[in-house]
Amino acid sequence: MPSPGPTVANLVPVPSSASNVTLFPSAAEGNARVIWNDSTATLYVKFGATASTTSFTVKLAPGAYYEFPQPLYVGQVDGIWDSANGFARLTSW
């Protein structure tokens, strides 16, 4: 029988910004990370430091949802929006 999964999730709203922000800091471990772009602007997500509109891993349209693939990347994740309006709704466990 598999072991039970986590019982606590961390939900964090990150205000959008037209300059780089850290979405997820580096972590020693983790099971999952998800992002919902709750904004009318495009969110550029970078696995690593200092996201820009030309240096990113994933481009999230307004209202888009993204689940990190497995094995989970637990390094720093940064983001930047086309314009500042709304939030990134982050969940990790």
Protein backbone atom coordinates (compact mmCIF):
# COMPACT_ATOMS: atom_id res chain seq x y z
CA MET A 1 0.00 0.00 0.00
CA PRO A 2 1.46 3.41 -0.92
CA SER A 3 2.25 5.86 1.84
CA PRO A 4 -0.18 8.74 2.30
CA GLY A 5 0.61 12.02 0.59
CA PRO A 6 1.06 15.42 2.19
CA THR A 7 -1.78 16.81 4.28
CA VAL A 8 -0.80 20.49 4.09
CA ALA A 9 -0.49 22.73 1.04
CA ASN A 10 1.11 26.17 0.97
CA LEU A 11 -0.96 28.77 -0.91
CA VAL A 12 0.74 32.07 -1.67
CA PRO A 13 -0.52 35.00 -3.76
CA VAL A 14 2.34 36.93 -5.41
CA PRO A 15 1.41 40.39 -6.75
CA SER A 16 2.21 40.84 -10.42
CA SER A 17 5.18 43.01 -11.35
CA ALA A 18 6.74 44.40 -14.51
CA SER A 19 10.13 43.68 -12.90
CA ASN A 20 11.52 40.32 -11.78
CA VAL A 21 10.04 38.66 -8.67
CA THR A 22 10.77 35.35 -6.99
CA LEU A 23 7.76 33.04 -7.19
CA PHE A 24 9.25 30.03 -5.40
CA PRO A 25 12.53 30.16 -3.44
CA SER A 26 14.88 27.19 -3.59
CA ALA A 27 13.70 24.32 -1.40
CA ALA A 28 15.43 21.23 -0.06
CA GLU A 29 12.53 19.06 -1.23
CA GLY A 30 8.96 19.16 -2.41
CA ASN A 31 6.22 17.10 -4.00
CA ALA A 32 4.47 19.54 -6.33
CA ARG A 33 4.30 23.16 -7.44
CA VAL A 34 1.51 24.83 -9.42
CA ILE A 35 0.92 28.36 -10.73
CA TRP A 36 -2.31 30.03 -11.80
CA ASN A 37 -1.78 33.34 -13.62
CA ASP A 38 -4.65 35.32 -12.09
CA SER A 39 -3.87 38.38 -14.20
CA THR A 40 -4.81 39.95 -17.52
CA ALA A 41 -1.10 40.10 -18.43
CA THR A 42 1.21 37.35 -19.68
CA LEU A 43 3.46 35.80 -17.00
CA TYR A 44 6.95 34.65 -17.98
CA VAL A 45 8.23 31.96 -15.57
CA LYS A 46 11.90 31.00 -15.35
CA PHE A 47 13.34 27.94 -13.65
CA GLY A 48 16.24 29.86 -12.11
CA ALA A 49 16.99 33.49 -11.28
CA THR A 50 16.01 36.66 -13.11
CA ALA A 51 13.14 36.06 -15.50
CA SER A 52 12.58 38.40 -18.43
CA THR A 53 10.39 38.45 -21.51
CA THR A 54 13.35 37.01 -23.44
CA SER A 55 14.74 34.65 -20.77
CA PHE A 56 12.05 32.29 -19.48
CA THR A 57 11.07 28.64 -19.24
CA VAL A 58 7.27 28.85 -19.51
CA LYS A 59 5.02 31.60 -20.91
CA LEU A 60 1.62 31.69 -19.19
CA ALA A 61 -1.25 33.50 -20.87
CA PRO A 62 -3.77 35.36 -18.69
CA GLY A 63 -5.78 32.83 -16.70
CA ALA A 64 -3.39 29.96 -17.51
CA TYR A 65 -2.53 27.17 -15.07
CA TYR A 66 0.80 25.34 -14.94
CA GLU A 67 1.83 22.19 -13.07
CA PHE A 68 5.54 21.57 -12.67
CA PRO A 69 6.60 18.25 -14.22
CA GLN A 70 8.06 15.35 -12.26
CA PRO A 71 10.73 14.92 -11.09
CA LEU A 72 10.00 18.23 -9.38
CA TYR A 73 12.36 21.15 -9.95
CA VAL A 74 12.96 22.56 -6.44
CA GLY A 75 15.34 25.40 -7.36
CA GLN A 76 14.45 29.08 -7.40
CA VAL A 77 11.65 30.09 -9.79
CA ASP A 78 11.28 33.71 -10.87
CA GLY A 79 8.64 35.51 -12.89
CA ILE A 80 7.80 38.75 -14.65
CA TRP A 81 4.59 40.03 -16.26
CA ASP A 82 3.98 42.18 -19.34
CA SER A 83 2.31 44.66 -16.97
CA ALA A 84 1.47 44.75 -13.28
CA ASN A 85 -2.14 43.74 -12.64
CA GLY A 86 -3.33 40.73 -10.72
CA PHE A 87 -1.48 37.90 -9.03
CA ALA A 88 0.28 34.59 -9.45
CA ARG A 89 -1.61 32.12 -7.25
CA LEU A 90 1.01 29.61 -6.11
CA THR A 91 0.45 26.28 -4.43
CA SER A 92 3.13 23.87 -3.28
CA TRP A 93 3.19 20.73 -1.17
